N, C-alpha and C. Protein backbone atom coordinates (compact mmCIF):
# COMPACT_ATOMS: atom_id res chain seq x y z
N LEU A 1 -5.50 18.11 -4.01
CA LEU A 1 -4.70 17.45 -4.15
C LEU A 1 -5.43 16.66 -5.64
N THR A 2 -6.71 16.17 -5.52
CA THR A 2 -7.35 15.88 -6.77
C THR A 2 -6.48 16.24 -8.18
N GLY A 3 -6.25 18.11 -8.32
CA GLY A 3 -5.54 18.65 -9.57
C GLY A 3 -4.25 17.97 -9.52
N ARG A 4 -3.26 17.84 -8.50
CA ARG A 4 -2.23 17.67 -8.80
C ARG A 4 -2.11 16.04 -8.88
N LEU A 5 -2.96 15.52 -8.34
CA LEU A 5 -2.93 13.89 -8.66
C LEU A 5 -3.08 13.78 -10.52
N CYS A 6 -4.06 14.50 -10.95
CA CYS A 6 -4.28 14.31 -12.42
C CYS A 6 -3.29 14.61 -12.94
N HIS A 7 -2.43 15.69 -12.54
CA HIS A 7 -1.35 16.20 -13.55
C HIS A 7 0.14 15.61 -12.95
N ALA A 8 0.18 14.77 -12.30
CA ALA A 8 1.26 13.84 -11.69
C ALA A 8 2.20 13.60 -13.07
N CYS A 9 3.22 13.77 -13.21
CA CYS A 9 4.14 13.40 -14.39
C CYS A 9 4.37 11.74 -14.79
N ASP A 10 4.63 11.00 -13.70
CA ASP A 10 5.00 9.66 -13.35
C ASP A 10 4.68 9.06 -12.51
N ALA A 11 4.11 7.63 -12.49
CA ALA A 11 4.15 6.71 -11.37
C ALA A 11 4.80 7.24 -10.18
N LYS A 12 6.11 7.44 -9.95
CA LYS A 12 6.95 8.22 -8.94
C LYS A 12 6.13 9.27 -8.04
N GLU A 13 5.99 10.01 -8.99
CA GLU A 13 5.14 11.38 -8.42
C GLU A 13 4.06 11.32 -7.97
N LEU A 14 2.97 10.48 -8.74
CA LEU A 14 1.76 9.86 -8.33
C LEU A 14 1.91 9.33 -7.19
N SER A 15 2.95 8.32 -6.93
CA SER A 15 3.10 7.65 -5.64
C SER A 15 3.19 8.47 -4.17
N ARG A 16 3.96 9.19 -4.82
CA ARG A 16 4.63 10.21 -3.56
C ARG A 16 3.57 11.19 -3.18
N LEU A 17 2.95 11.57 -3.95
CA LEU A 17 1.45 12.67 -3.67
C LEU A 17 0.54 11.81 -2.91
N VAL A 18 0.12 10.47 -3.31
CA VAL A 18 -0.43 9.46 -2.45
C VAL A 18 -0.12 9.20 -1.15
N MET A 19 1.42 8.94 -0.81
CA MET A 19 1.95 8.81 0.65
C MET A 19 1.80 9.69 1.25
N GLU A 20 2.04 11.12 0.84
CA GLU A 20 2.20 12.53 1.40
C GLU A 20 0.38 12.46 2.20
N ALA A 21 -0.22 12.42 1.22
CA ALA A 21 -1.80 12.60 1.80
C ALA A 21 -2.26 11.56 2.76
N ALA A 22 -1.55 10.51 2.42
CA ALA A 22 -2.14 9.36 3.19
C ALA A 22 -1.75 9.20 4.54
N ARG A 23 -0.05 9.65 4.79
CA ARG A 23 0.29 10.30 6.06
C ARG A 23 0.04 11.10 6.93
N ARG A 24 -0.33 12.32 6.04
CA ARG A 24 -1.08 13.46 6.59
C ARG A 24 -2.53 13.04 7.36
N LEU A 25 -3.17 12.32 6.42
CA LEU A 25 -4.67 12.21 6.74
C LEU A 25 -4.95 11.17 7.56
N ILE A 26 -4.38 10.09 7.60
CA ILE A 26 -4.49 8.64 8.23
C ILE A 26 -3.37 8.45 9.26
N GLY A 27 -2.29 8.92 9.09
CA GLY A 27 -1.35 8.30 9.73
C GLY A 27 -0.52 7.33 9.52
N GLY A 28 0.36 6.74 10.65
CA GLY A 28 1.33 5.44 9.90
C GLY A 28 2.87 5.89 10.60
N ASP A 29 3.47 4.93 10.54
CA ASP A 29 5.15 5.07 10.63
C ASP A 29 5.42 4.69 9.40
N HIS A 30 4.95 4.10 8.19
CA HIS A 30 5.35 3.73 7.29
C HIS A 30 4.31 3.84 5.95
N VAL A 31 4.56 4.35 5.00
CA VAL A 31 3.60 4.57 4.11
C VAL A 31 4.12 3.82 2.43
N ALA A 32 3.76 3.15 1.98
CA ALA A 32 3.98 2.55 0.52
C ALA A 32 2.92 2.64 -0.29
N VAL A 33 2.81 2.85 -1.69
CA VAL A 33 2.18 2.45 -2.69
C VAL A 33 2.96 1.62 -3.64
N TYR A 34 2.09 0.41 -3.81
CA TYR A 34 2.66 -0.55 -4.57
C TYR A 34 1.55 -0.77 -6.04
N LEU A 35 2.21 -0.50 -7.26
CA LEU A 35 1.47 -0.59 -8.22
C LEU A 35 1.83 -1.57 -9.26
N ARG A 36 0.64 -2.21 -9.69
CA ARG A 36 1.45 -3.79 -10.87
C ARG A 36 1.75 -3.19 -11.74
N ASP A 37 3.10 -4.15 -11.91
CA ASP A 37 4.04 -3.68 -13.09
C ASP A 37 3.28 -4.39 -14.57
N ASN A 38 3.90 -3.55 -15.34
CA ASN A 38 3.14 -3.90 -16.76
C ASN A 38 3.75 -5.82 -16.88
N GLY A 39 4.44 -6.39 -16.45
CA GLY A 39 5.05 -7.75 -16.27
C GLY A 39 3.91 -8.45 -15.53
N PRO A 40 3.88 -9.64 -16.01
CA PRO A 40 3.03 -10.16 -15.11
C PRO A 40 3.67 -11.02 -13.85
N GLY A 41 2.75 -11.00 -12.84
CA GLY A 41 3.40 -11.47 -11.53
C GLY A 41 4.30 -10.74 -10.43
N TYR A 42 4.45 -9.31 -10.99
CA TYR A 42 5.14 -8.32 -10.39
C TYR A 42 4.65 -7.43 -10.19
N ILE A 43 4.71 -6.68 -8.60
CA ILE A 43 4.20 -5.63 -8.41
C ILE A 43 5.50 -4.63 -7.90
N ASN A 44 5.25 -3.05 -8.04
CA ASN A 44 6.59 -2.24 -8.00
C ASN A 44 5.93 -1.39 -6.78
N SER A 45 7.09 -1.06 -5.97
CA SER A 45 6.53 -0.38 -4.97
C SER A 45 7.11 0.93 -4.64
N ALA A 46 6.98 1.98 -4.15
CA ALA A 46 7.28 3.35 -3.83
C ALA A 46 6.97 3.42 -2.66
N THR A 47 8.10 3.75 -1.74
CA THR A 47 7.97 3.93 -0.38
C THR A 47 8.11 5.52 0.23
N ASN A 48 8.18 5.84 1.27
CA ASN A 48 7.82 7.17 2.04
C ASN A 48 9.73 7.20 2.23
N SER A 49 10.15 6.45 2.29
CA SER A 49 11.65 6.31 2.19
C SER A 49 12.74 6.29 0.72
N ASP A 50 11.36 6.71 -0.33
CA ASP A 50 12.49 6.79 -1.57
C ASP A 50 13.39 5.27 -1.89
N VAL A 51 12.69 4.37 -1.51
CA VAL A 51 13.41 2.95 -1.58
C VAL A 51 12.35 2.09 -2.76
N SER A 52 12.74 2.08 -3.83
CA SER A 52 11.70 1.27 -4.72
C SER A 52 12.52 -0.21 -5.17
N ARG A 53 11.56 -0.90 -5.04
CA ARG A 53 11.65 -2.48 -5.42
C ARG A 53 10.95 -3.45 -5.72
N LYS A 54 11.28 -4.23 -6.53
CA LYS A 54 10.09 -5.24 -6.96
C LYS A 54 9.88 -6.43 -6.11
N LEU A 55 8.14 -6.63 -5.73
CA LEU A 55 8.05 -7.82 -4.99
C LEU A 55 7.04 -8.88 -6.09
N LYS A 56 7.73 -10.06 -5.94
CA LYS A 56 6.79 -10.94 -6.49
C LYS A 56 5.89 -11.32 -6.10
N THR A 57 4.29 -11.24 -6.81
CA THR A 57 3.42 -11.56 -6.16
C THR A 57 3.28 -12.92 -5.68
N GLY A 58 2.71 -12.92 -4.19
CA GLY A 58 2.84 -14.35 -3.77
C GLY A 58 3.63 -14.39 -2.56
N LEU A 59 4.62 -13.31 -2.54
CA LEU A 59 5.29 -12.95 -1.26
C LEU A 59 4.63 -12.17 -0.03
N ALA A 60 3.79 -11.59 -0.82
CA ALA A 60 3.17 -10.34 0.28
C ALA A 60 1.46 -10.93 0.07
N PRO A 61 1.12 -11.91 0.76
CA PRO A 61 -0.19 -12.32 0.71
C PRO A 61 -1.47 -11.63 0.96
N ILE A 62 -1.27 -10.50 1.81
CA ILE A 62 -2.22 -9.47 1.93
C ILE A 62 -2.61 -8.44 0.80
N LEU A 63 -1.14 -8.05 0.73
CA LEU A 63 -0.82 -7.11 -1.06
C LEU A 63 -1.65 -7.88 -1.93
N ASP A 64 -1.39 -9.52 -2.13
CA ASP A 64 -2.33 -10.04 -3.22
C ASP A 64 -3.37 -10.06 -3.13
N LYS A 65 -4.17 -10.61 -1.92
CA LYS A 65 -5.28 -10.45 -2.01
C LYS A 65 -6.32 -8.86 -2.22
N VAL A 66 -5.81 -7.74 -1.56
CA VAL A 66 -6.42 -6.68 -1.73
C VAL A 66 -6.23 -6.16 -3.00
N THR A 67 -5.12 -6.57 -4.11
CA THR A 67 -5.10 -6.04 -5.25
C THR A 67 -5.83 -7.01 -6.20
N SER A 68 -5.95 -8.37 -5.70
CA SER A 68 -6.56 -8.84 -6.52
C SER A 68 -8.32 -9.16 -6.52
N SER A 69 -8.51 -8.81 -4.90
CA SER A 69 -10.10 -8.81 -4.90
C SER A 69 -10.53 -6.99 -4.66
N ALA A 70 -9.81 -6.27 -4.91
CA ALA A 70 -10.62 -5.13 -4.74
C ALA A 70 -10.83 -4.68 -3.39
N LYS A 71 -10.71 -5.41 -2.23
CA LYS A 71 -11.43 -4.98 -1.42
C LYS A 71 -10.06 -4.76 0.09
N ALA A 72 -10.27 -3.53 0.66
CA ALA A 72 -9.28 -2.87 1.60
C ALA A 72 -9.09 -4.08 2.66
N GLU A 73 -8.52 -4.12 3.39
CA GLU A 73 -8.21 -5.21 4.67
C GLU A 73 -7.38 -3.93 5.76
N ILE A 74 -8.01 -4.07 7.19
CA ILE A 74 -7.29 -3.58 8.25
C ILE A 74 -7.08 -4.43 9.25
N MET A 75 -5.81 -4.84 9.81
CA MET A 75 -5.59 -5.71 10.70
C MET A 75 -4.95 -4.54 11.87
N ASP A 76 -5.69 -4.40 12.90
CA ASP A 76 -5.39 -3.49 14.20
C ASP A 76 -4.34 -4.06 15.28
N ASN A 77 -3.96 -5.28 15.00
CA ASN A 77 -2.90 -6.21 15.50
C ASN A 77 -2.68 -7.57 14.91
N LEU A 78 -1.19 -7.07 14.42
CA LEU A 78 -0.78 -8.18 13.47
C LEU A 78 -0.29 -9.54 14.10
N ASP A 79 -0.35 -9.28 15.35
CA ASP A 79 0.20 -10.65 15.94
C ASP A 79 -0.39 -11.59 15.85
N VAL A 80 -1.62 -11.48 15.98
CA VAL A 80 -2.70 -12.47 15.55
C VAL A 80 -3.14 -12.51 14.36
N ASP A 81 -2.25 -12.12 12.93
CA ASP A 81 -2.69 -12.62 11.65
C ASP A 81 -1.32 -13.43 11.16
N PRO A 82 -1.98 -14.49 10.84
CA PRO A 82 -0.63 -15.69 10.16
C PRO A 82 0.12 -14.99 8.96
N ARG A 83 -0.59 -14.21 8.22
CA ARG A 83 -0.54 -13.89 7.03
C ARG A 83 0.67 -13.21 7.05
N PHE A 84 0.82 -12.11 8.12
CA PHE A 84 1.89 -11.18 8.20
C PHE A 84 3.40 -11.74 8.61
N ASN A 85 4.15 -12.15 8.02
CA ASN A 85 5.73 -12.26 8.43
C ASN A 85 6.45 -11.62 8.86
N GLU A 86 6.03 -10.29 8.94
CA GLU A 86 7.10 -9.15 9.80
C GLU A 86 6.90 -8.98 10.85
N ASN A 87 8.12 -8.64 11.95
CA ASN A 87 8.04 -8.71 13.62
C ASN A 87 8.05 -6.82 13.49
N SER A 88 8.28 -6.43 12.52
CA SER A 88 8.23 -4.72 12.87
C SER A 88 7.38 -3.76 12.87
N ALA A 89 6.03 -4.58 12.71
CA ALA A 89 4.81 -3.37 12.44
C ALA A 89 3.71 -4.12 13.59
N GLY A 90 2.80 -3.39 14.22
CA GLY A 90 1.75 -4.04 14.61
C GLY A 90 0.39 -3.86 14.32
N ALA A 91 0.50 -2.89 13.32
CA ALA A 91 -1.06 -2.58 12.55
C ALA A 91 -0.79 -2.20 11.27
N LEU A 92 -1.72 -2.69 10.07
CA LEU A 92 -1.44 -2.33 9.18
C LEU A 92 -3.00 -2.36 8.41
N ALA A 93 -3.02 -1.04 7.46
CA ALA A 93 -3.95 -0.72 6.85
C ALA A 93 -3.78 -0.82 5.38
N CYS A 94 -4.51 -1.40 4.32
CA CYS A 94 -4.00 -1.81 2.90
C CYS A 94 -5.39 -1.49 2.06
N ALA A 95 -5.27 -0.64 1.15
CA ALA A 95 -6.82 -0.62 0.33
C ALA A 95 -5.88 -0.65 -0.87
N HIS A 96 -7.05 -1.02 -2.00
CA HIS A 96 -6.64 -0.93 -3.17
C HIS A 96 -6.83 0.26 -4.13
N LEU A 97 -5.81 0.54 -4.86
CA LEU A 97 -5.76 2.01 -5.83
C LEU A 97 -6.51 1.39 -7.33
N ALA A 98 -7.75 1.64 -7.54
CA ALA A 98 -8.08 1.54 -8.53
C ALA A 98 -8.93 2.56 -9.34
N CYS A 99 -9.29 2.12 -10.64
CA CYS A 99 -9.67 3.19 -11.71
C CYS A 99 -10.62 2.40 -12.42
N HIS A 100 -12.05 2.78 -12.74
CA HIS A 100 -12.67 2.44 -13.20
C HIS A 100 -13.17 0.99 -12.79
N GLY A 101 -12.98 0.61 -11.71
CA GLY A 101 -13.19 -0.89 -11.26
C GLY A 101 -11.98 -1.74 -11.20
N ILE A 102 -10.95 -1.00 -11.87
CA ILE A 102 -9.66 -2.19 -11.94
C ILE A 102 -8.79 -1.80 -11.06
N ALA A 103 -8.50 -2.57 -10.12
CA ALA A 103 -7.16 -2.87 -9.09
C ALA A 103 -5.94 -2.20 -10.07
N HIS A 104 -5.07 -1.50 -9.73
CA HIS A 104 -3.82 -1.35 -10.44
C HIS A 104 -2.91 -1.50 -9.19
N GLY A 105 -3.01 -1.10 -7.73
CA GLY A 105 -2.02 -1.13 -6.93
C GLY A 105 -2.59 -1.26 -5.93
N ALA A 106 -2.14 -0.71 -4.36
CA ALA A 106 -2.53 -0.79 -3.17
C ALA A 106 -1.85 0.30 -2.67
N LEU A 107 -2.47 0.75 -1.69
CA LEU A 107 -2.01 2.05 -0.65
C LEU A 107 -1.73 1.41 0.60
N VAL A 108 -0.74 0.81 1.40
CA VAL A 108 -0.59 0.39 2.52
C VAL A 108 0.12 1.27 3.28
N LEU A 109 -0.58 1.24 4.83
CA LEU A 109 0.00 2.13 6.32
C LEU A 109 0.47 1.10 6.88
N LEU A 110 1.44 1.18 7.72
CA LEU A 110 1.99 0.28 8.92
C LEU A 110 2.10 1.26 9.89
N SER A 111 1.81 0.65 11.11
CA SER A 111 2.17 1.28 12.73
C SER A 111 2.77 0.37 13.20
N ALA A 112 4.05 0.86 14.32
CA ALA A 112 4.82 -0.05 14.96
C ALA A 112 4.22 -0.84 16.03
N ASN A 113 2.54 -0.19 16.22
CA ASN A 113 2.20 -0.88 17.77
C ASN A 113 1.02 -0.92 17.10
N ALA A 114 0.24 -1.80 17.98
CA ALA A 114 -1.22 -2.50 17.38
C ALA A 114 -1.92 -0.82 17.73
N ARG A 115 -2.90 -0.58 16.57
CA ARG A 115 -4.25 0.57 16.71
C ARG A 115 -4.67 0.23 15.98
N ALA A 116 -6.19 0.96 16.50
CA ALA A 116 -7.14 0.88 15.48
C ALA A 116 -7.42 2.12 14.42
N TYR A 117 -7.27 1.05 12.97
CA TYR A 117 -6.95 2.17 11.68
C TYR A 117 -8.63 2.78 11.64
N ALA A 118 -9.38 1.72 12.05
CA ALA A 118 -10.83 1.85 11.55
C ALA A 118 -11.21 2.76 11.84
């Protein structure tokens, strides 16, 4: 996998490789990779359903915190986390994607039901 990641042609291919590995190794009903855009205040996304969109930072507080602090977050039961405003997921794991100590985005795994990612 490391060799394939190093030779990825673009961000979309890199995102796809990371998502495939995460789904296979960690699991989850939905996997997404969010990469910081060159423009300030926006994050690009690539999802397992090949949908790409831009999120304005601030709309996803958990993602904002992980990418700005470079610290992963795991929520085994989203019903008790006030930052999560979606009702279609029960658990979330969000880890920053960094190179040389600089966060460039995040990997997000969502499960429909509460579960223990840890």
